[in-house]
C-alpha cells in the first residue's frame, strides 16, 4: 500500500503522475485549485481525499480511476457534480458536502455500488429522478440545502438506512417514501412540512424519526 499526505500545496509537484502504484492519496487543505490532466495515470487509486481546497472541476482523465472506492471532494468550490464521476462505477463512498451545488444530477444513478453519499451544506434545490439508480445506497445526507421536494423515485432505494433532509425547504414528503423498507433513521426537521404521508407507517425498521420544527398540524394515524 502506498499513501501520500501533503500539508500545503498550490500545485502537484512535477513527476507526480509517475507514482503509478499509488493506492491512497490525501490532499486535504492543500490550497489546490486544479488537478493536472495526467492525474488519470494514477489508475490504482482506491482512496482519494481532496477536502478543503479550491477545486471547481476535475480533469476528464479521471474516468480512468476505475478502482476508486472512496472520493472526498467536500468543502471546495464546485457548482455542479463533475460528469466524469458517472464513469467511476466502483465508487462506494462519496463526499461533496460544503460546495455550491444547485441540483443533484440523475447520472449519479449509474453508481450502482455507492453506499454512502453526502451532499449536505450546498445550495441544492432539485434532486433528479435518476438518484433512484443508486441501488446499493445506505446513507443519503442532504442536510442544509434548499430542496423543495424529493422525487417520487426515492422510494426505490430499498437498502437506504439513513436519510437526512433536515434544514431544507420541503413542504411535503412523497408517498413513495414508505418504500424505504430498510430505513432506520429519518431526519426531516427544520422544514416546512404541513402533513406527513400515511406511508410512513410502513417504516418497520425505523429507530430515529425527527420531524420537529415543521408546520405539522396532525400526525397520520398509521
Protein backbone atom coordinates (compact mmCIF):
# COMPACT_ATOMS: atom_id res chain seq x y z
CA UNK A 1 0.00 0.00 0.00
CA UNK A 2 1.29 3.44 -0.90
CA UNK A 3 -0.03 6.51 0.95
CA UNK A 4 0.98 10.14 0.48
CA UNK A 5 -0.07 13.13 2.60
CA UNK A 6 0.55 16.77 1.71
CA UNK A 7 0.08 19.67 4.09
CA UNK A 8 0.27 22.70 1.81
CA UNK A 9 0.47 22.78 -1.98
CA UNK A 10 -0.74 25.03 -4.75
CA UNK A 11 0.04 22.55 -7.49
CA UNK A 12 1.13 18.95 -7.60
CA UNK A 13 4.89 18.50 -8.00
CA UNK A 14 6.37 17.58 -11.36
CA UNK A 15 6.60 13.86 -11.89
CA UNK A 16 3.71 13.17 -9.54
CA UNK A 17 1.87 11.23 -12.24
CA UNK A 18 4.76 8.73 -12.29
CA UNK A 19 3.62 7.24 -8.97
CA UNK A 20 1.73 4.52 -10.77
CA UNK A 21 1.38 2.22 -7.74
CA UNK A 22 -0.29 4.84 -5.57
CA UNK A 23 -3.41 3.45 -3.88
CA UNK A 24 -4.26 6.15 -1.30
CA UNK A 25 -3.82 9.90 -1.73
CA UNK A 26 -4.71 12.56 0.84
CA UNK A 27 -4.57 16.16 -0.41
CA UNK A 28 -6.89 17.81 2.10
CA UNK A 29 -6.46 21.54 2.78
CA UNK A 30 -3.60 21.80 0.29
CA UNK A 31 -4.70 25.03 -1.47
CA UNK A 32 -5.19 23.21 -4.78
CA UNK A 33 -7.30 24.92 -7.43
CA UNK A 34 -6.86 22.36 -10.21
CA UNK A 35 -5.65 18.86 -10.95
CA UNK A 36 -3.42 18.24 -13.98
CA UNK A 37 -4.69 16.30 -16.98
CA UNK A 38 -2.22 13.49 -16.36
CA UNK A 39 -3.81 12.81 -12.97
CA UNK A 40 -5.69 10.00 -14.68
CA UNK A 41 -2.48 7.98 -14.85
CA UNK A 42 -2.91 7.06 -11.17
CA UNK A 43 -5.15 4.16 -12.12
CA UNK A 44 -4.56 2.14 -8.93
CA UNK A 45 -6.02 4.78 -6.62
CA UNK A 46 -8.63 3.39 -4.25
CA UNK A 47 -8.93 6.33 -1.85
CA UNK A 48 -8.69 9.99 -2.89
CA UNK A 49 -9.33 12.83 -0.44
CA UNK A 50 -9.35 16.41 -1.74
CA UNK A 51 -11.32 18.14 1.01
CA UNK A 52 -10.92 21.85 1.75
CA UNK A 53 -9.28 23.04 -1.45
CA UNK A 54 -10.42 25.50 -4.15
CA UNK A 55 -11.30 22.97 -6.83
CA UNK A 56 -14.01 23.85 -9.35
CA UNK A 57 -13.62 20.98 -11.83
CA UNK A 58 -11.94 17.63 -12.36
CA UNK A 59 -9.88 16.51 -15.36
CA UNK A 60 -11.70 14.24 -17.79
CA UNK A 61 -8.90 11.73 -17.45
CA UNK A 62 -10.22 10.79 -14.02
CA UNK A 63 -12.52 8.38 -15.82
CA UNK A 64 -9.53 6.03 -15.78
CA UNK A 65 -9.63 5.72 -11.97
CA UNK A 66 -11.83 2.65 -12.16
CA UNK A 67 -10.53 1.20 -8.88
CA UNK A 68 -11.52 4.26 -6.87
CA UNK A 69 -13.81 3.35 -3.97
CA UNK A 70 -13.69 6.44 -1.78
CA UNK A 71 -13.73 10.04 -3.03
CA UNK A 72 -13.92 13.14 -0.84
CA UNK A 73 -14.50 16.47 -2.61
CA UNK A 74 -16.03 18.21 0.39
CA UNK A 75 -15.52 21.94 1.05
CA UNK A 76 -14.38 23.01 -2.42
CA UNK A 77 -15.93 25.39 -4.98
CA UNK A 78 -17.80 23.04 -7.31
CA UNK A 79 -21.04 24.41 -8.74
CA UNK A 80 -22.04 21.07 -10.27
CA UNK A 81 -21.19 17.42 -9.90
CA UNK A 82 -18.50 16.61 -12.50
CA UNK A 83 -19.85 14.34 -15.23
CA UNK A 84 -16.66 12.30 -15.22
CA UNK A 85 -17.81 10.73 -11.94
CA UNK A 86 -20.51 8.89 -13.86
CA UNK A 87 -17.81 6.53 -15.11
CA UNK A 88 -16.36 5.65 -11.70
CA UNK A 89 -18.55 2.57 -11.40
CA UNK A 90 -16.66 1.14 -8.42
CA UNK A 91 -17.23 4.16 -6.18
CA UNK A 92 -18.67 3.22 -2.78
CA UNK A 93 -18.30 6.37 -0.66
CA UNK A 94 -18.62 9.92 -1.97
CA UNK A 95 -18.49 13.27 -0.16
CA UNK A 96 -19.29 16.54 -1.88
CA UNK A 97 -20.65 18.49 1.07
CA UNK A 98 -19.88 22.16 1.55
CA UNK A 99 -19.73 23.14 -2.12
CA UNK A 100 -22.03 25.30 -4.29
CA UNK A 101 -24.14 22.64 -5.98
CA UNK A 102 -27.66 23.63 -7.05
CA UNK A 103 -29.01 20.23 -8.11
CA UNK A 104 -28.30 16.51 -7.90
CA UNK A 105 -27.89 15.11 -11.43
CA UNK A 106 -29.58 11.89 -12.46
CA UNK A 107 -26.36 10.41 -13.78
CA UNK A 108 -25.29 9.64 -10.21
CA UNK A 109 -27.72 6.76 -10.54
CA UNK A 110 -25.10 4.95 -12.61
CA UNK A 111 -23.05 4.42 -9.44
CA UNK A 112 -24.55 1.05 -8.60
CA UNK A 113 -22.07 0.24 -5.82
CA UNK A 114 -22.40 3.56 -4.00
CA UNK A 115 -23.34 3.04 -0.34
CA UNK A 116 -22.63 6.48 1.17
CA UNK A 117 -23.45 9.89 -0.33
CA UNK A 118 -23.02 13.21 1.47
CA UNK A 119 -24.21 16.31 -0.40
CA UNK A 120 -25.13 18.37 2.65
CA UNK A 121 -24.38 22.08 3.04
CA UNK A 122 -24.79 23.08 -0.61
CA UNK A 123 -27.42 25.18 -2.41
CA UNK A 124 -29.30 22.22 -3.86
CA UNK A 125 -32.88 22.97 -4.94
CA UNK A 126 -33.63 19.90 -7.07
CA UNK A 127 -32.99 16.17 -6.85
CA UNK A 128 -33.37 14.44 -10.22
CA UNK A 129 -35.21 11.12 -10.52
CA UNK A 130 -32.09 9.24 -11.57
CA UNK A 131 -30.84 9.13 -7.97
CA UNK A 132 -33.01 6.02 -7.63
CA UNK A 133 -30.43 4.15 -9.68
CA UNK A 134 -28.09 4.06 -6.67
CA UNK A 135 -29.48 0.69 -5.71
CA UNK A 136 -26.83 -0.03 -3.03
CA UNK A 137 -27.18 3.31 -1.25
CA UNK A 138 -27.44 3.05 2.54
CA UNK A 139 -26.71 6.59 3.73
CA UNK A 140 -28.01 9.70 1.97
CA UNK A 141 -27.17 13.03 3.60
CA UNK A 142 -28.85 16.11 2.11
CA UNK A 143 -29.00 18.36 5.18
CA UNK A 144 -28.72 22.16 4.95
CA UNK A 145 -29.74 22.76 1.34
CA UNK A 146 -32.72 24.44 -0.35
CA UNK A 147 -34.58 21.33 -1.52
CA UNK A 148 -38.30 21.95 -2.02
CA UNK A 149 -39.34 18.41 -2.89
CA UNK A 150 -37.95 14.90 -3.12
CA UNK A 151 -38.58 12.83 -6.26
CA UNK A 152 -41.14 10.02 -6.11
CA UNK A 153 -38.38 7.71 -7.30
CA UNK A 154 -36.64 7.96 -3.94
CA UNK A 155 -38.82 5.12 -2.71
CA UNK A 156 -36.80 2.75 -4.91
CA UNK A 157 -33.78 2.97 -2.59
CA UNK A 158 -34.62 -0.27 -0.81
CA UNK A 159 -31.29 -0.53 1.05
CA UNK A 160 -31.36 3.01 2.44
CA UNK A 161 -30.95 3.02 6.23
CA UNK A 162 -30.28 6.73 6.86
CA UNK A 163 -31.96 9.70 5.17
CA UNK A 164 -31.18 13.20 6.38
CA UNK A 165 -33.06 16.07 4.72
CA UNK A 166 -33.17 18.45 7.70
CA UNK A 167 -32.77 22.20 7.18
CA UNK A 168 -34.27 22.37 3.70
CA UNK A 169 -37.49 23.87 2.30
CA UNK A 170 -39.58 20.73 1.98
CA UNK A 171 -43.34 21.27 2.11
CA UNK A 172 -44.16 17.56 2.00
CA UNK A 173 -42.65 14.10 1.77
CA UNK A 174 -43.61 11.92 -1.22
CA UNK A 175 -45.92 8.95 -0.60
CA UNK A 176 -43.27 6.71 -2.11
CA UNK A 177 -41.06 7.30 0.91
CA UNK A 178 -42.86 4.39 2.53
CA UNK A 179 -40.99 2.16 0.09
CA UNK A 180 -37.78 2.70 2.07
CA UNK A 181 -38.26 -0.62 3.84
CA UNK A 182 -34.76 -0.66 5.41
CA UNK A 183 -34.89 2.88 6.79
CA UNK A 184 -33.67 3.19 10.37
CA UNK A 185 -33.15 6.95 10.64
CA UNK A 186 -35.14 9.77 9.05
CA UNK A 187 -34.48 13.42 9.84
CA UNK A 188 -36.77 15.92 8.14
CA UNK A 189 -36.65 18.53 10.89
CA UNK A 190 -36.42 22.27 10.18
CA UNK A 191 -38.50 22.24 7.00
CA UNK A 192 -41.98 23.49 6.04
CA UNK A 193 -43.83 20.17 6.10
CA UNK A 194 -47.52 20.53 6.98
CA UNK A 195 -48.51 16.87 6.91
CA UNK A 196 -46.76 13.51 6.84
CA UNK A 197 -47.80 10.81 4.34
CA UNK A 198 -49.64 7.80 5.69
CA UNK A 199 -47.00 5.61 4.06
CA UNK A 200 -44.61 6.33 6.95
CA UNK A 201 -46.50 3.59 8.73
CA UNK A 202 -44.53 1.15 6.59
CA UNK A 203 -41.25 2.05 8.30
CA UNK A 204 -40.94 -1.24 10.15
CA UNK A 205 -37.20 -0.76 10.85
CA UNK A 206 -37.29 2.90 11.92
CA UNK A 207 -35.40 3.75 15.11
CA UNK A 208 -34.95 7.52 14.92
CA UNK A 209 -37.51 9.86 13.35
CA UNK A 210 -37.08 13.63 13.68
CA UNK A 211 -39.74 15.96 12.28
CA UNK A 212 -39.54 18.83 14.74
CA UNK A 213 -39.56 22.49 13.65
CA UNK A 214 -42.04 21.99 10.81
CA UNK A 215 -45.63 23.19 10.33
CA UNK A 216 -47.29 19.90 11.26
CA UNK A 217 -50.94 20.11 12.22
CA UNK A 218 -51.52 16.45 12.95
CA UNK A 219 -49.85 13.08 12.58
CA UNK A 220 -51.27 10.31 10.39
CA UNK A 221 -52.99 7.54 12.42
CA UNK A 222 -50.64 4.98 10.88
